[in-house]
Amino acid sequence: MKITDIRFAKLSVPLITPFKTALRSVSSIEDVVVLIETDSGHIGYGAQHLRRR
């Protein structure tokens, strides 16, 4: 099995109700989604939340 394609995208989802912390205001959540395809037809997905520093 070999990887034939890797795709990724950054998603930004607006929150219906933004919230505030002591450090910042949050009005949307951002994630990275990864799609990996193999030569045998298998497809895998992964996601990771983006942290702001």
PDB file of N, CA and C in Angstrom:
ATOM      1  N   MET A   1       0.850  -1.169   0.000  1.00  0.00           N
ATOM      2  CA  MET A   1       0.000   0.000   0.000  1.00  0.00           C
ATOM      3  C   MET A   1       0.900   1.238   0.000  1.00  0.00           C
ATOM      4  N   LYS A   2       0.658   2.129  -0.941  1.00  0.00           N
ATOM      5  CA  LYS A   2       1.422   3.372  -1.032  1.00  0.00           C
ATOM      6  C   LYS A   2       0.476   4.568  -1.050  1.00  0.00           C
ATOM      7  N   ILE A   3       0.915   5.654  -0.451  1.00  0.00           N
ATOM      8  CA  ILE A   3       0.128   6.894  -0.464  1.00  0.00           C
ATOM      9  C   ILE A   3       0.206   7.498  -1.855  1.00  0.00           C
ATOM     10  N   THR A   4      -0.951   7.816  -2.414  1.00  0.00           N
ATOM     11  CA  THR A   4      -1.000   8.397  -3.757  1.00  0.00           C
ATOM     12  C   THR A   4      -1.391   9.871  -3.750  1.00  0.00           C
ATOM     13  N   ASP A   5      -2.060  10.311  -2.684  1.00  0.00           N
ATOM     14  CA  ASP A   5      -2.492  11.712  -2.650  1.00  0.00           C
ATOM     15  C   ASP A   5      -2.672  12.169  -1.208  1.00  0.00           C
ATOM     16  N   ILE A   6      -2.257  13.383  -0.940  1.00  0.00           N
ATOM     17  CA  ILE A   6      -2.477  14.021   0.361  1.00  0.00           C
ATOM     18  C   ILE A   6      -3.058  15.403   0.096  1.00  0.00           C
ATOM     19  N   ARG A   7      -4.197  15.672   0.724  1.00  0.00           N
ATOM     20  CA  ARG A   7      -4.824  16.992   0.596  1.00  0.00           C
ATOM     21  C   ARG A   7      -5.134  17.519   1.985  1.00  0.00           C
ATOM     22  N   PHE A   8      -5.067  18.828   2.124  1.00  0.00           N
ATOM     23  CA  PHE A   8      -5.420  19.425   3.404  1.00  0.00           C
ATOM     24  C   PHE A   8      -6.112  20.753   3.176  1.00  0.00           C
ATOM     25  N   ALA A   9      -6.888  21.151   4.167  1.00  0.00           N
ATOM     26  CA  ALA A   9      -7.621  22.414   4.077  1.00  0.00           C
ATOM     27  C   ALA A   9      -7.760  22.996   5.477  1.00  0.00           C
ATOM     28  N   LYS A  10      -7.768  24.290   5.547  1.00  0.00           N
ATOM     29  CA  LYS A  10      -8.004  24.992   6.806  1.00  0.00           C
ATOM     30  C   LYS A  10      -9.472  25.391   6.844  1.00  0.00           C
ATOM     31  N   LEU A  11     -10.160  25.012   7.913  1.00  0.00           N
ATOM     32  CA  LEU A  11     -11.564  25.353   8.071  1.00  0.00           C
ATOM     33  C   LEU A  11     -11.718  26.377   9.186  1.00  0.00           C
ATOM     34  N   SER A  12     -12.542  27.349   8.956  1.00  0.00           N
ATOM     35  CA  SER A  12     -12.866  28.345   9.967  1.00  0.00           C
ATOM     36  C   SER A  12     -14.379  28.329  10.155  1.00  0.00           C
ATOM     37  N   VAL A  13     -14.812  27.928  11.346  1.00  0.00           N
ATOM     38  CA  VAL A  13     -16.240  27.803  11.628  1.00  0.00           C
ATOM     39  C   VAL A  13     -16.649  28.907  12.597  1.00  0.00           C
ATOM     40  N   PRO A  14     -17.528  29.804  12.171  1.00  0.00           N
ATOM     41  CA  PRO A  14     -17.958  30.876  13.075  1.00  0.00           C
ATOM     42  C   PRO A  14     -18.831  30.326  14.204  1.00  0.00           C
ATOM     43  N   LEU A  15     -18.641  30.865  15.383  1.00  0.00           N
ATOM     44  CA  LEU A  15     -19.453  30.467  16.531  1.00  0.00           C
ATOM     45  C   LEU A  15     -20.752  31.269  16.550  1.00  0.00           C
ATOM     46  N   ILE A  16     -21.843  30.612  16.907  1.00  0.00           N
ATOM     47  CA  ILE A  16     -23.120  31.314  17.013  1.00  0.00           C
ATOM     48  C   ILE A  16     -23.049  32.344  18.137  1.00  0.00           C
ATOM     49  N   THR A  17     -22.440  31.949  19.239  1.00  0.00           N
ATOM     50  CA  THR A  17     -22.261  32.851  20.371  1.00  0.00           C
ATOM     51  C   THR A  17     -20.778  32.960  20.705  1.00  0.00           C
ATOM     52  N   PRO A  18     -20.121  34.045  20.305  1.00  0.00           N
ATOM     53  CA  PRO A  18     -18.710  34.220  20.654  1.00  0.00           C
ATOM     54  C   PRO A  18     -18.530  34.275  22.170  1.00  0.00           C
ATOM     55  N   PHE A  19     -17.340  33.936  22.640  1.00  0.00           N
ATOM     56  CA  PHE A  19     -17.074  34.017  24.073  1.00  0.00           C
ATOM     57  C   PHE A  19     -15.746  34.709  24.330  1.00  0.00           C
ATOM     58  N   LYS A  20     -15.565  35.195  25.545  1.00  0.00           N
ATOM     59  CA  LYS A  20     -14.351  35.908  25.931  1.00  0.00           C
ATOM     60  C   LYS A  20     -13.676  35.184  27.081  1.00  0.00           C
ATOM     61  N   THR A  21     -12.356  35.189  27.048  1.00  0.00           N
ATOM     62  CA  THR A  21     -11.563  34.702  28.167  1.00  0.00           C
ATOM     63  C   THR A  21     -10.771  35.888  28.693  1.00  0.00           C
ATOM     64  N   ALA A  22      -9.944  35.648  29.670  1.00  0.00           N
ATOM     65  CA  ALA A  22      -9.115  36.729  30.204  1.00  0.00           C
ATOM     66  C   ALA A  22      -8.099  37.212  29.168  1.00  0.00           C
ATOM     67  N   LEU A  23      -7.760  36.356  28.188  1.00  0.00           N
ATOM     68  CA  LEU A  23      -6.719  36.694  27.218  1.00  0.00           C
ATOM     69  C   LEU A  23      -7.228  37.151  25.859  1.00  0.00           C
ATOM     70  N   ARG A  24      -8.432  36.696  25.474  1.00  0.00           N
ATOM     71  CA  ARG A  24      -8.885  37.028  24.117  1.00  0.00           C
ATOM     72  C   ARG A  24     -10.380  36.793  23.952  1.00  0.00           C
ATOM     73  N   SER A  25     -10.882  37.240  22.814  1.00  0.00           N
ATOM     74  CA  SER A  25     -12.265  36.993  22.423  1.00  0.00           C
ATOM     75  C   SER A  25     -12.256  35.960  21.295  1.00  0.00           C
ATOM     76  N   VAL A  26     -13.142  34.974  21.349  1.00  0.00           N
ATOM     77  CA  VAL A  26     -13.174  33.909  20.342  1.00  0.00           C
ATOM     78  C   VAL A  26     -14.502  33.976  19.601  1.00  0.00           C
ATOM     79  N   SER A  27     -14.421  34.199  18.283  1.00  0.00           N
ATOM     80  CA  SER A  27     -15.638  34.275  17.472  1.00  0.00           C
ATOM     81  C   SER A  27     -15.716  33.163  16.429  1.00  0.00           C
ATOM     82  N   SER A  28     -14.618  32.394  16.274  1.00  0.00           N
ATOM     83  CA  SER A  28     -14.627  31.267  15.346  1.00  0.00           C
ATOM     84  C   SER A  28     -13.600  30.235  15.803  1.00  0.00           C
ATOM     85  N   ILE A  29     -13.785  29.011  15.335  1.00  0.00           N
ATOM     86  CA  ILE A  29     -12.880  27.913  15.634  1.00  0.00           C
ATOM     87  C   ILE A  29     -12.197  27.523  14.324  1.00  0.00           C
ATOM     88  N   GLU A  30     -10.877  27.345  14.352  1.00  0.00           N
ATOM     89  CA  GLU A  30     -10.131  26.972  13.152  1.00  0.00           C
ATOM     90  C   GLU A  30      -9.535  25.576  13.318  1.00  0.00           C
ATOM     91  N   ASP A  31      -9.688  24.758  12.263  1.00  0.00           N
ATOM     92  CA  ASP A  31      -9.148  23.404  12.232  1.00  0.00           C
ATOM     93  C   ASP A  31      -8.433  23.176  10.904  1.00  0.00           C
ATOM     94  N   VAL A  32      -7.527  22.194  10.905  1.00  0.00           N
ATOM     95  CA  VAL A  32      -6.916  21.710   9.673  1.00  0.00           C
ATOM     96  C   VAL A  32      -7.423  20.291   9.467  1.00  0.00           C
ATOM     97  N   VAL A  33      -7.912  20.000   8.258  1.00  0.00           N
ATOM     98  CA  VAL A  33      -8.401  18.671   7.908  1.00  0.00           C
ATOM     99  C   VAL A  33      -7.472  18.094   6.845  1.00  0.00           C
ATOM    100  N   VAL A  34      -7.073  16.820   7.034  1.00  0.00           N
ATOM    101  CA  VAL A  34      -6.162  16.144   6.109  1.00  0.00           C
ATOM    102  C   VAL A  34      -6.869  14.923   5.535  1.00  0.00           C
ATOM    103  N   LEU A  35      -6.727  14.703   4.220  1.00  0.00           N
ATOM    104  CA  LEU A  35      -7.272  13.534   3.545  1.00  0.00           C
ATOM    105  C   LEU A  35      -6.102  12.822   2.867  1.00  0.00           C
ATOM    106  N   ILE A  36      -5.946  11.528   3.133  1.00  0.00           N
ATOM    107  CA  ILE A  36      -4.875  10.734   2.528  1.00  0.00           C
ATOM    108  C   ILE A  36      -5.506   9.579   1.765  1.00  0.00           C
ATOM    109  N   GLU A  37      -5.074   9.389   0.500  1.00  0.00           N
ATOM    110  CA  GLU A  37      -5.563   8.292  -0.325  1.00  0.00           C
ATOM    111  C   GLU A  37      -4.405   7.354  -0.655  1.00  0.00           C
ATOM    112  N   THR A  38      -4.723   6.051  -0.787  1.00  0.00           N
ATOM    113  CA  THR A  38      -3.708   5.063  -1.134  1.00  0.00           C
ATOM    114  C   THR A  38      -4.014   4.432  -2.485  1.00  0.00           C
ATOM    115  N   ASP A  39      -3.012   3.722  -3.009  1.00  0.00           N
ATOM    116  CA  ASP A  39      -3.191   3.063  -4.305  1.00  0.00           C
ATOM    117  C   ASP A  39      -4.181   1.894  -4.241  1.00  0.00           C
ATOM    118  N   SER A  40      -4.497   1.416  -3.039  1.00  0.00           N
ATOM    119  CA  SER A  40      -5.465   0.321  -2.902  1.00  0.00           C
ATOM    120  C   SER A  40      -6.889   0.827  -2.661  1.00  0.00           C
ATOM    121  N   GLY A  41      -7.081   2.159  -2.710  1.00  0.00           N
ATOM    122  CA  GLY A  41      -8.412   2.732  -2.585  1.00  0.00           C
ATOM    123  C   GLY A  41      -8.815   3.147  -1.186  1.00  0.00           C
ATOM    124  N   HIS A  42      -7.951   2.940  -0.209  1.00  0.00           N
ATOM    125  CA  HIS A  42      -8.263   3.367   1.148  1.00  0.00           C
ATOM    126  C   HIS A  42      -8.152   4.881   1.266  1.00  0.00           C
ATOM    127  N   ILE A  43      -9.049   5.468   2.052  1.00  0.00           N
ATOM    128  CA  ILE A  43      -9.051   6.910   2.287  1.00  0.00           C
ATOM    129  C   ILE A  43      -9.079   7.135   3.789  1.00  0.00           C
ATOM    130  N   GLY A  44      -8.205   7.992   4.268  1.00  0.00           N
ATOM    131  CA  GLY A  44      -8.170   8.320   5.683  1.00  0.00           C
ATOM    132  C   GLY A  44      -8.303   9.809   5.888  1.00  0.00           C
ATOM    133  N   TYR A  45      -8.957  10.174   6.976  1.00  0.00           N
ATOM    134  CA  TYR A  45      -9.162  11.573   7.316  1.00  0.00           C
ATOM    135  C   TYR A  45      -8.554  11.850   8.684  1.00  0.00           C
ATOM    136  N   GLY A  46      -8.103  13.058   8.884  1.00  0.00           N
ATOM    137  CA  GLY A  46      -7.614  13.480  10.187  1.00  0.00           C
ATOM    138  C   GLY A  46      -7.915  14.953  10.363  1.00  0.00           C
ATOM    139  N   ALA A  47      -7.963  15.394  11.605  1.00  0.00           N
ATOM    140  CA  ALA A  47      -8.238  16.805  11.883  1.00  0.00           C
ATOM    141  C   ALA A  47      -7.463  17.234  13.116  1.00  0.00           C
ATOM    142  N   GLN A  48      -7.089  18.499  13.141  1.00  0.00           N
ATOM    143  CA  GLN A  48      -6.377  19.056  14.281  1.00  0.00           C
ATOM    144  C   GLN A  48      -6.830  20.483  14.485  1.00  0.00           C
ATOM    145  N   HIS A  49      -7.092  20.816  15.724  1.00  0.00           N
ATOM    146  CA  HIS A  49      -7.462  22.178  16.080  1.00  0.00           C
ATOM    147  C   HIS A  49      -6.224  23.063  16.021  1.00  0.00           C
ATOM    148  N   LEU A  50      -6.357  24.256  15.475  1.00  0.00           N
ATOM    149  CA  LEU A  50      -5.257  25.213  15.426  1.00  0.00           C
ATOM    150  C   LEU A  50      -5.259  26.041  16.698  1.00  0.00           C
ATOM    151  N   ARG A  51      -4.151  26.046  17.399  1.00  0.00           N
ATOM    152  CA  ARG A  51      -4.013  26.848  18.607  1.00  0.00           C
ATOM    153  C   ARG A  51      -3.311  28.153  18.282  1.00  0.00           C
ATOM    154  N   ARG A  52      -3.810  29.217  18.812  1.00  0.00           N
ATOM    155  CA  ARG A  52      -3.143  30.509  18.646  1.00  0.00           C
ATOM    156  C   ARG A  52      -2.334  30.801  19.881  1.00  0.00           C
ATOM    157  N   ARG A  53      -1.127  31.294  19.698  1.00  0.00           N
ATOM    158  CA  ARG A  53      -0.273  31.626  20.833  1.00  0.00           C
ATOM    159  C   ARG A  53      -0.068  33.099  20.935  1.00  0.00           C
TER     160      ARG A  53
END
